Amino acid sequence: MKRLFSLLTLLILCVFCIAGCSKVEAGYVGVKVNLLGGDKGVDSEVLGVGRYWIGWNEELYLFPTFQQTVAWQGDKGVNGAFQFQSKEGLPLSADVSMSFTVNPEMVFVLFQKYRKGIDEITNVYLYNMVRDAMVQVASGRPAENLYGEGKNLFVAEVNRLVRERMKPVGINIDYIAIVGNVWLPQNVKAAIDEKVKAGQLAAQRETEVATARAEADKAVATAEGEARSKKAIAEANAFAILAEAKAQEEANRILAKSLTPELIQYNMATRWNGILPTVTSGAVPFLNIGMK
């Protein structure tokens, strides 16, 4: 009987020991919290991967060290998960996704700051942090700068603010992004779309005018080029004719200067075939063939 009691006691102790052991799995770190007594509070030791004895007055919180991603979404097409206002006071909303990692070396600081597990820290404190940053940044920008291309600058500023606030407590923000677009009141969205459309039409008209002006300039340049070309050809032809005339004039002058009576008589003698013309209308050409 005594032996049975001892075995039963040993069995109860084993069950109690097994029940009191907690496991920190790979990819996590743990923080042990004392719930009662003079040591009540957070244990300064961060627990790595392994099994640990957790007493009845202690509690273990696990924090993942791998990347966490969360998406906050509201009613699609109506309201996003985050509500904020533009500089003009227009109501806006957006759905947001966020990715972050926990610094394992600062888990102790993180838990002391919030005294909650990672899920509650994410969906309460981080949510509020992102919302407050969006409200702060959006309040200084007109609605049209929060929609379309201006959204990127808006989101970048929200990222910067949240990173600065969370890094000192051990949470590193990888990115905060707006899912889809910022939801605007329908009348505001229609007005912005019309403004964008008008801007696009104006840009198109400017392009068309610039194209027409360029074509006109091209036609003028072509005409001027052709005129200059024709002028150059005409000047070249005139110069050639003038040069030819001057050359002919010089040749005639030299030829005239060289024509002597003796040369004329010589040419007539060398070319005459000895036959007088059978028909004449006047004097017969006389060829002087006398000898000196």
Protein backbone atom coordinates (compact mmCIF):
# COMPACT_ATOMS: atom_id res chain seq x y z
CA MET A 1 0.00 0.00 0.00
CA LYS A 2 2.79 2.32 0.91
CA ARG A 3 4.62 1.41 -2.28
CA LEU A 4 1.47 2.07 -4.31
CA PHE A 5 1.12 5.48 -2.69
CA SER A 6 4.72 6.31 -3.59
CA LEU A 7 4.19 5.27 -7.19
CA LEU A 8 1.03 7.32 -7.37
CA THR A 9 2.83 10.32 -5.90
CA LEU A 10 5.67 9.88 -8.40
CA LEU A 11 3.17 9.62 -11.24
CA ILE A 12 1.41 12.83 -10.15
CA LEU A 13 4.76 14.61 -9.94
CA CYS A 14 5.69 13.41 -13.43
CA VAL A 15 2.38 14.60 -14.84
CA PHE A 16 2.84 17.92 -13.07
CA CYS A 17 6.38 18.25 -14.42
CA ILE A 18 5.28 17.43 -17.95
CA ALA A 19 2.37 19.85 -17.69
CA GLY A 20 4.72 22.55 -16.38
CA CYS A 21 7.15 22.24 -19.32
CA SER A 22 6.67 24.64 -22.19
CA LYS A 23 8.41 24.60 -25.55
CA VAL A 24 9.92 27.45 -27.53
CA GLU A 25 9.83 26.27 -31.13
CA ALA A 26 12.23 27.15 -33.94
CA GLY A 27 11.60 30.63 -35.29
CA TYR A 28 10.42 31.95 -31.93
CA VAL A 29 11.83 33.43 -28.76
CA GLY A 30 10.11 33.38 -25.40
CA VAL A 31 9.61 35.77 -22.50
CA LYS A 32 8.84 34.36 -19.06
CA VAL A 33 6.57 36.42 -16.80
CA ASN A 34 6.27 36.02 -13.02
CA LEU A 35 2.65 36.56 -12.03
CA LEU A 36 2.96 36.58 -8.25
CA GLY A 37 5.41 37.33 -5.45
CA GLY A 38 8.29 39.74 -5.09
CA ASP A 39 9.64 38.74 -8.51
CA LYS A 40 6.37 39.64 -10.22
CA GLY A 41 7.01 41.00 -13.70
CA VAL A 42 8.98 40.15 -16.80
CA ASP A 43 11.97 37.86 -16.57
CA SER A 44 15.00 39.64 -17.95
CA GLU A 45 16.11 36.48 -19.75
CA VAL A 46 14.89 35.95 -23.32
CA LEU A 47 14.38 32.23 -23.93
CA GLY A 48 15.67 30.62 -27.11
CA VAL A 49 14.54 27.37 -28.76
CA GLY A 50 13.99 24.52 -26.25
CA ARG A 51 11.83 23.25 -23.35
CA TYR A 52 11.48 25.24 -20.14
CA TRP A 53 9.89 24.70 -16.73
CA ILE A 54 7.05 27.18 -16.29
CA GLY A 55 5.68 27.22 -12.75
CA TRP A 56 2.07 27.71 -11.77
CA ASN A 57 2.76 31.40 -11.06
CA GLU A 58 4.58 31.95 -14.35
CA GLU A 59 3.50 32.47 -17.93
CA LEU A 60 5.42 32.16 -21.23
CA TYR A 61 4.87 34.50 -24.17
CA LEU A 62 6.17 33.51 -27.58
CA PHE A 63 7.33 36.03 -30.21
CA PRO A 64 8.05 34.97 -33.83
CA THR A 65 11.36 36.12 -35.29
CA PHE A 66 10.34 35.41 -38.91
CA GLN A 67 8.53 37.95 -41.08
CA GLN A 68 4.91 38.65 -40.16
CA THR A 69 2.33 39.91 -42.64
CA VAL A 70 -1.09 41.25 -41.79
CA ALA A 71 -3.89 42.70 -43.94
CA TRP A 72 -6.59 45.00 -42.62
CA GLN A 73 -9.57 45.24 -44.96
CA GLY A 74 -13.00 46.81 -44.57
CA ASP A 75 -16.09 46.70 -46.74
CA LYS A 76 -14.84 46.35 -50.32
CA GLY A 77 -15.97 49.13 -52.60
CA VAL A 78 -17.45 51.19 -49.73
CA ASN A 79 -15.10 51.75 -46.85
CA GLY A 80 -11.54 50.60 -46.18
CA ALA A 81 -10.24 49.44 -42.83
CA PHE A 82 -8.69 52.86 -42.07
CA GLN A 83 -10.70 56.08 -41.99
CA PHE A 84 -9.02 59.48 -42.36
CA GLN A 85 -9.60 62.93 -43.82
CA SER A 86 -7.91 65.03 -46.46
CA LYS A 87 -6.76 68.62 -45.99
CA GLU A 88 -10.19 69.79 -47.18
CA GLY A 89 -11.89 67.58 -44.59
CA LEU A 90 -13.14 65.03 -47.12
CA PRO A 91 -13.73 61.54 -45.67
CA LEU A 92 -11.36 58.93 -47.15
CA SER A 93 -10.54 55.31 -46.38
CA ALA A 94 -8.15 52.58 -47.44
CA ASP A 95 -7.31 48.92 -46.94
CA VAL A 96 -3.77 48.31 -45.74
CA SER A 97 -1.27 45.44 -45.61
CA MET A 98 1.85 45.47 -43.47
CA SER A 99 4.92 43.28 -43.09
CA PHE A 100 7.29 43.42 -40.13
CA THR A 101 9.82 41.45 -38.08
CA VAL A 102 10.52 41.34 -34.34
CA ASN A 103 14.07 42.04 -33.20
CA PRO A 104 14.90 39.01 -30.99
CA GLU A 105 17.35 41.01 -28.91
CA MET A 106 14.62 43.52 -28.00
CA VAL A 107 11.74 41.18 -27.18
CA PHE A 108 12.18 42.02 -23.49
CA VAL A 109 11.73 45.75 -24.27
CA LEU A 110 8.74 45.04 -26.54
CA PHE A 111 6.94 43.04 -23.88
CA GLN A 112 7.66 45.56 -21.14
CA LYS A 113 6.18 48.26 -23.41
CA TYR A 114 2.90 46.51 -24.25
CA ARG A 115 2.60 43.54 -21.84
CA LYS A 116 0.80 41.59 -24.57
CA GLY A 117 1.48 38.79 -27.06
CA ILE A 118 2.35 39.40 -30.70
CA ASP A 119 -1.24 39.00 -31.99
CA GLU A 120 -2.65 41.66 -29.70
CA ILE A 121 0.33 43.95 -30.28
CA THR A 122 -0.24 43.62 -34.04
CA ASN A 123 -4.00 44.03 -34.19
CA VAL A 124 -4.34 46.69 -31.50
CA TYR A 125 -1.19 48.74 -31.02
CA LEU A 126 0.31 48.44 -34.50
CA TYR A 127 -3.11 48.99 -36.07
CA ASN A 128 -3.57 52.18 -34.04
CA MET A 129 -0.03 53.30 -34.91
CA VAL A 130 -0.67 52.94 -38.65
CA ARG A 131 -4.08 54.62 -38.37
CA ASP A 132 -2.65 57.60 -36.47
CA ALA A 133 0.16 58.00 -39.02
CA MET A 134 -2.32 57.94 -41.93
CA VAL A 135 -4.54 60.50 -40.22
CA GLN A 136 -1.55 62.76 -39.53
CA VAL A 137 -0.12 62.61 -43.06
CA ALA A 138 -3.47 62.81 -44.91
CA SER A 139 -4.60 65.89 -42.96
CA GLY A 140 -1.90 67.97 -44.63
CA ARG A 141 -2.62 66.89 -48.22
CA PRO A 142 -5.49 67.66 -50.61
CA ALA A 143 -7.61 64.71 -51.72
CA GLU A 144 -6.19 64.65 -55.24
CA ASN A 145 -2.69 64.13 -53.76
CA LEU A 146 -3.88 60.99 -51.94
CA TYR A 147 -5.33 59.36 -55.01
CA GLY A 148 -3.52 57.95 -58.05
CA GLU A 149 0.11 58.98 -58.44
CA GLY A 150 0.17 61.00 -55.21
CA LYS A 151 -0.63 57.87 -53.23
CA ASN A 152 3.01 56.70 -53.37
CA LEU A 153 4.30 59.80 -51.56
CA PHE A 154 1.52 59.48 -49.01
CA VAL A 155 2.35 55.83 -48.26
CA ALA A 156 6.10 56.56 -48.12
CA GLU A 157 5.54 59.17 -45.41
CA VAL A 158 3.32 56.78 -43.43
CA ASN A 159 6.06 54.13 -43.62
CA ARG A 160 8.65 56.59 -42.33
CA LEU A 161 6.58 57.66 -39.32
CA VAL A 162 5.64 54.12 -38.24
CA ARG A 163 9.23 52.86 -38.65
CA GLU A 164 10.57 55.67 -36.46
CA ARG A 165 8.02 54.95 -33.73
CA MET A 166 8.32 51.14 -33.67
CA LYS A 167 12.05 50.55 -34.13
CA PRO A 168 12.97 51.66 -30.55
CA VAL A 169 10.69 48.96 -29.10
CA GLY A 170 11.99 46.13 -31.30
CA ILE A 171 9.64 46.00 -34.30
CA ASN A 172 11.17 46.58 -37.72
CA ILE A 173 8.61 47.63 -40.35
CA ASP A 174 9.42 46.09 -43.76
CA TYR A 175 6.60 47.81 -45.60
CA ILE A 176 3.15 49.33 -45.23
CA ALA A 177 1.11 49.37 -48.43
CA ILE A 178 -2.37 50.44 -49.47
CA VAL A 179 -4.30 47.55 -51.00
CA GLY A 180 -5.91 48.78 -54.20
CA ASN A 181 -6.55 52.52 -53.99
CA VAL A 182 -7.78 55.12 -51.56
CA TRP A 183 -11.56 55.10 -51.36
CA LEU A 184 -13.01 58.54 -52.11
CA PRO A 185 -16.58 59.86 -51.99
CA GLN A 186 -18.11 59.18 -55.40
CA ASN A 187 -18.61 62.85 -56.25
CA VAL A 188 -14.99 63.66 -55.34
CA LYS A 189 -13.67 60.74 -57.37
CA ALA A 190 -15.78 61.83 -60.37
CA ALA A 191 -14.46 65.40 -60.08
CA ILE A 192 -10.84 64.23 -59.89
CA ASP A 193 -11.36 61.88 -62.84
CA GLU A 194 -12.80 64.76 -64.89
CA LYS A 195 -9.86 66.96 -63.96
CA VAL A 196 -7.41 64.25 -64.96
CA LYS A 197 -9.28 63.70 -68.22
CA ALA A 198 -9.23 67.44 -68.96
CA GLY A 199 -5.51 67.52 -68.28
CA GLN A 200 -4.94 64.61 -70.61
CA LEU A 201 -7.00 66.30 -73.38
CA ALA A 202 -5.06 69.53 -72.90
CA ALA A 203 -1.78 67.64 -73.11
CA GLN A 204 -3.02 65.91 -76.26
CA ARG A 205 -3.95 69.27 -77.83
CA GLU A 206 -0.54 70.66 -76.95
CA THR A 207 1.09 67.66 -78.56
CA GLU A 208 -1.00 68.08 -81.69
CA VAL A 209 -0.16 71.80 -81.90
CA ALA A 210 3.51 71.08 -81.37
CA THR A 211 3.38 68.39 -84.06
CA ALA A 212 1.64 70.73 -86.53
CA ARG A 213 4.16 73.47 -85.76
CA ALA A 214 7.02 71.04 -86.27
CA GLU A 215 5.55 69.89 -89.59
CA ALA A 216 5.13 73.52 -90.72
CA ASP A 217 8.70 74.34 -89.69
CA LYS A 218 9.85 71.26 -91.56
CA ALA A 219 7.97 72.33 -94.73
CA VAL A 220 9.45 75.85 -94.50
CA ALA A 221 12.90 74.47 -94.00
CA THR A 222 12.45 72.12 -96.96
CA ALA A 223 11.21 74.98 -99.20
CA GLU A 224 14.08 77.22 -98.11
CA GLY A 225 16.51 74.42 -98.75
CA GLU A 226 15.12 73.80 -102.21
CA ALA A 227 15.22 77.55 -102.99
CA ARG A 228 18.81 77.81 -101.86
CA SER A 229 19.65 74.74 -103.91
CA LYS A 230 18.02 76.14 -107.07
CA LYS A 231 19.71 79.50 -106.53
CA ALA A 232 23.08 77.81 -106.16
CA ILE A 233 22.48 75.78 -109.35
CA ALA A 234 21.41 78.90 -111.27
CA GLU A 235 24.42 80.84 -110.04
CA ALA A 236 26.68 77.95 -111.00
CA ASN A 237 25.11 77.77 -114.51
CA ALA A 238 25.42 81.54 -114.95
CA PHE A 239 28.99 81.44 -113.85
CA ALA A 240 29.72 78.61 -116.29
CA ILE A 241 28.05 80.48 -119.18
CA LEU A 242 29.92 83.66 -118.31
CA ALA A 243 33.17 81.80 -118.06
CA GLU A 244 32.52 80.10 -121.38
CA ALA A 245 31.66 83.45 -123.03
CA LYS A 246 34.76 85.07 -121.64
CA ALA A 247 36.84 82.13 -122.86
CA GLN A 248 35.27 82.38 -126.31
CA GLU A 249 35.84 86.11 -126.37
CA GLU A 250 39.47 85.63 -125.48
CA ALA A 251 39.82 82.90 -128.13
CA ASN A 252 38.26 85.17 -130.75
CA ARG A 253 40.55 88.00 -129.77
CA ILE A 254 43.60 85.81 -130.05
CA LEU A 255 42.33 84.37 -133.35
CA ALA A 256 41.58 87.82 -134.78
CA LYS A 257 44.98 89.07 -133.75
CA SER A 258 46.63 86.12 -135.46
CA LEU A 259 44.79 86.55 -138.83
CA THR A 260 47.25 88.13 -141.29
CA PRO A 261 46.84 88.43 -145.12
CA GLU A 262 49.56 85.86 -145.61
CA LEU A 263 47.80 83.38 -143.24
CA ILE A 264 44.52 83.88 -145.07
CA GLN A 265 46.16 83.33 -148.46
CA TYR A 266 47.86 80.23 -147.11
CA ASN A 267 44.65 78.73 -145.80
CA MET A 268 42.91 79.47 -149.10
CA ALA A 269 45.71 77.82 -151.06
CA THR A 270 45.80 74.70 -148.92
CA ARG A 271 42.09 74.23 -149.08
CA TRP A 272 41.44 75.18 -152.79
CA ASN A 273 40.89 72.23 -155.13
CA GLY A 274 41.87 74.24 -158.26
CA ILE A 275 38.30 74.54 -159.60
CA LEU A 276 36.71 77.94 -160.00
CA PRO A 277 33.04 78.35 -159.12
CA THR A 278 30.75 77.80 -162.07
CA VAL A 279 28.20 80.31 -160.78
CA THR A 280 29.15 83.65 -159.32
CA SER A 281 27.23 86.74 -158.40
CA GLY A 282 30.09 89.13 -158.50
CA ALA A 283 33.78 89.16 -158.35
CA VAL A 284 35.56 85.85 -158.40
CA PRO A 285 37.61 85.18 -155.28
CA PHE A 286 41.17 85.91 -156.15
CA LEU A 287 43.93 83.73 -154.93
CA ASN A 288 47.36 85.24 -155.12
CA ILE A 289 49.74 82.40 -155.87
CA GLY A 290 52.50 84.44 -157.31
CA MET A 291 56.06 83.80 -156.22
CA LYS A 292 58.22 86.40 -154.68
